[in-house]
Structures are given as structure tokens and as C-alpha cells.
Amino acid sequence: MAESTIWWLLAGAVIAAELLTGTFYLLMLSLGLAGAAVAAHLGATVPAQLVVAALLGGGFVVAWRSYRKHQPPALPASANRDVNLDIGETLQIEAWNADGTSTTRYRGAAWSVSLRTGAVATPGLHRIVEVTGSRLVVEKV
């Protein structure tokens, strides 16, 4: 069996492991293995193939980690519009209780509503910023 075939099989095995575990870094390592397969196709020696696999795989891991480090952190699911389509919707609050809660009709049902920390309890139009259990957390529009 050719050396390049072994590298391609290893890259495929790492991709399969990534699909089973969901570890994105394994995809970066598989790119290094694919680079070693290309090096083998080009006639590089086995030590050179190992160096190519290590440098490419490690380099892609470091580059991806650096990229992720500079991205803003993801919102929790309770406040993420991609997870919960109620986030960002508006509703009318007629009156607030003394403890900063209220009840309102939303999507055909009665919902408990509370204010976002630091918000002022005034009646009117409010935007949903988070859904915690069966309670909507809102802020004034």
C-alpha cells in the first residue's frame, strides 16, 4: 500500500472520529494528515511527511484557537435569537407589580414577565431579551 494511501486513510479516520465526537479541532488535524498525503504524492520522505503533518495540523489548530479567542462569546441559549425566536419580539405591558413582575398575553397565552436587571418598571411597549423557563425577561423599547 502506498504511503499516501495510508495518510488518506488516517485523515478519513480522524474525520470519522470528529463526526462521532463533534470536536472541531480534529478537522484541523485531518488537514495536516491530508497535507502529509499530498507530500507523499510529491515524493517526500517519511520524516518529511511527518513534519508536514505536524506543522500543518498544529498550525491549523493554533490558527483556529486564535480565531475563536478573538470572537465575542456566544450568548446563552435563553438569550440567543438563533435558539429562541421569541428574543427580540415586542409585547405590551399594561401594569407592573411592586416586585417588578407582571403578567401579559403573548402568543395566545398568559406569560409571567420580569424586568431585566437595572430596567425601570414603566407600562408600555417592551422587548423580550431572555426566556427563563416560562418567564419572559423584558426591557423597555
Protein backbone atom coordinates (compact mmCIF):
# COMPACT_ATOMS: atom_id res chain seq x y z
CA MET A 1 0.00 0.00 0.00
CA ALA A 2 1.34 3.42 -0.89
CA GLU A 3 2.32 5.86 1.84
CA SER A 4 -0.12 8.45 0.52
CA THR A 5 -2.98 5.95 0.80
CA ILE A 6 -2.14 5.39 4.47
CA TRP A 7 -2.20 9.16 5.08
CA TRP A 8 -5.57 9.49 3.29
CA LEU A 9 -6.99 6.63 5.38
CA LEU A 10 -5.73 8.26 8.57
CA ALA A 11 -7.28 11.59 7.52
CA GLY A 12 -10.59 9.82 6.85
CA ALA A 13 -10.45 8.05 10.23
CA VAL A 14 -9.83 11.35 12.03
CA ILE A 15 -12.76 12.94 10.17
CA ALA A 16 -14.97 9.99 11.21
CA ALA A 17 -13.83 10.46 14.82
CA GLU A 18 -14.70 14.15 14.55
CA LEU A 19 -18.19 13.29 13.33
CA LEU A 20 -18.66 11.00 16.33
CA THR A 21 -17.30 13.43 18.93
CA GLY A 22 -18.07 16.87 17.48
CA THR A 23 -14.52 18.06 18.24
CA PHE A 24 -13.81 20.62 15.55
CA TYR A 25 -10.07 20.51 16.28
CA LEU A 26 -9.92 17.01 14.80
CA LEU A 27 -10.82 18.53 11.43
CA MET A 28 -7.77 20.77 11.72
CA LEU A 29 -5.61 17.73 12.44
CA SER A 30 -7.10 15.91 9.46
CA LEU A 31 -5.97 18.80 7.27
CA GLY A 32 -2.45 18.13 8.48
CA LEU A 33 -2.83 14.46 7.59
CA ALA A 34 -4.13 15.40 4.15
CA GLY A 35 -1.09 17.66 3.73
CA ALA A 36 1.15 14.70 4.55
CA ALA A 37 -0.70 12.65 1.91
CA VAL A 38 -0.02 15.35 -0.67
CA ALA A 39 3.64 15.42 0.43
CA ALA A 40 3.76 11.64 -0.09
CA HIS A 41 2.26 12.08 -3.58
CA LEU A 42 5.02 14.59 -4.32
CA GLY A 43 7.69 12.06 -3.27
CA ALA A 44 8.68 13.41 0.16
CA THR A 45 10.41 11.06 2.59
CA VAL A 46 8.53 9.64 5.60
CA PRO A 47 10.24 12.04 8.09
CA ALA A 48 9.30 14.97 5.81
CA GLN A 49 5.71 13.69 5.65
CA LEU A 50 5.59 13.54 9.46
CA VAL A 51 6.92 17.08 9.71
CA VAL A 52 4.33 18.31 7.18
CA ALA A 53 1.52 16.57 9.11
CA ALA A 54 2.70 18.02 12.43
CA LEU A 55 3.28 21.55 11.15
CA LEU A 56 0.06 21.80 9.15
CA GLY A 57 -2.16 20.09 11.73
CA GLY A 58 -0.65 22.02 14.64
CA GLY A 59 -0.66 25.26 12.68
CA PHE A 60 -4.34 24.91 11.80
CA VAL A 61 -5.19 24.13 15.45
CA VAL A 62 -3.29 27.20 16.66
CA ALA A 63 -4.86 29.38 13.95
CA TRP A 64 -8.39 28.18 14.76
CA ARG A 65 -7.84 28.68 18.50
CA SER A 66 -6.56 32.20 17.87
CA TYR A 67 -9.56 32.96 15.66
CA ARG A 68 -12.03 31.67 18.27
CA LYS A 69 -10.30 33.59 21.04
CA HIS A 70 -10.90 36.88 19.22
CA GLN A 71 -14.62 36.21 18.57
CA PRO A 72 -17.24 37.53 21.02
CA PRO A 73 -18.57 34.83 23.36
CA ALA A 74 -21.82 33.19 22.34
CA LEU A 75 -24.97 34.23 24.17
CA PRO A 76 -26.58 31.66 26.46
CA ALA A 77 -29.43 29.74 24.82
CA SER A 78 -32.02 31.60 26.90
CA ALA A 79 -30.96 34.92 25.34
CA ASN A 80 -29.86 33.76 21.88
CA ARG A 81 -32.18 34.65 18.98
CA ASP A 82 -30.73 31.75 16.95
CA VAL A 83 -32.07 29.32 19.59
CA ASN A 84 -35.24 31.06 20.77
CA LEU A 85 -37.23 33.06 18.21
CA ASP A 86 -39.10 34.96 20.94
CA ILE A 87 -35.97 37.01 21.67
CA GLY A 88 -36.37 40.48 20.18
CA GLU A 89 -40.17 40.29 19.87
CA THR A 90 -42.19 43.09 21.47
CA LEU A 91 -45.17 42.98 23.78
CA GLN A 92 -47.35 45.45 25.63
CA ILE A 93 -47.17 45.61 29.44
CA GLU A 94 -50.17 47.38 31.00
CA ALA A 95 -49.06 47.46 34.64
CA TRP A 96 -46.23 46.20 36.86
CA ASN A 97 -46.47 44.59 40.29
CA ALA A 98 -44.46 46.02 43.19
CA ASP A 99 -41.90 43.18 42.90
CA GLY A 100 -41.08 44.06 39.27
CA THR A 101 -43.14 41.29 37.68
CA SER A 102 -46.22 41.33 35.51
CA THR A 103 -48.50 39.06 33.51
CA THR A 104 -49.27 39.64 29.85
CA ARG A 105 -50.81 37.87 26.88
CA TYR A 106 -48.25 36.72 24.34
CA ARG A 107 -48.76 34.19 21.54
CA GLY A 108 -52.26 33.44 22.80
CA ALA A 109 -51.26 32.55 26.37
CA ALA A 110 -50.68 34.30 29.69
CA TRP A 111 -46.98 34.71 30.44
CA SER A 112 -45.13 35.84 33.55
CA VAL A 113 -42.89 38.78 32.79
CA SER A 114 -39.98 40.24 34.73
CA LEU A 115 -37.71 43.19 34.09
CA ARG A 116 -34.12 42.95 33.00
CA THR A 117 -31.76 43.90 35.82
CA GLY A 118 -31.50 47.66 36.09
CA ALA A 119 -34.58 48.38 33.96
CA VAL A 120 -37.33 50.73 35.14
CA ALA A 121 -40.86 49.33 35.62
CA THR A 122 -42.98 51.52 33.36
CA PRO A 123 -46.01 50.42 31.35
CA GLY A 124 -45.78 50.35 27.58
CA LEU A 125 -44.03 48.51 24.80
CA HIS A 126 -41.23 46.15 25.88
CA ARG A 127 -38.78 43.88 24.02
CA ILE A 128 -38.09 40.30 25.10
CA VAL A 129 -34.38 39.86 25.89
CA GLU A 130 -34.43 36.42 27.52
CA VAL A 131 -36.73 33.50 28.20
CA THR A 132 -36.09 31.82 31.55
CA GLY A 133 -38.31 28.78 31.92
CA SER A 134 -41.84 30.11 31.45
CA ARG A 135 -40.90 33.69 32.30
CA LEU A 136 -40.13 36.40 29.77
CA VAL A 137 -37.39 38.86 30.73
CA VAL A 138 -38.02 42.23 29.05
CA GLU A 139 -36.64 45.72 28.67
CA LYS A 140 -38.39 48.96 27.70
CA VAL A 141 -38.28 49.77 23.99
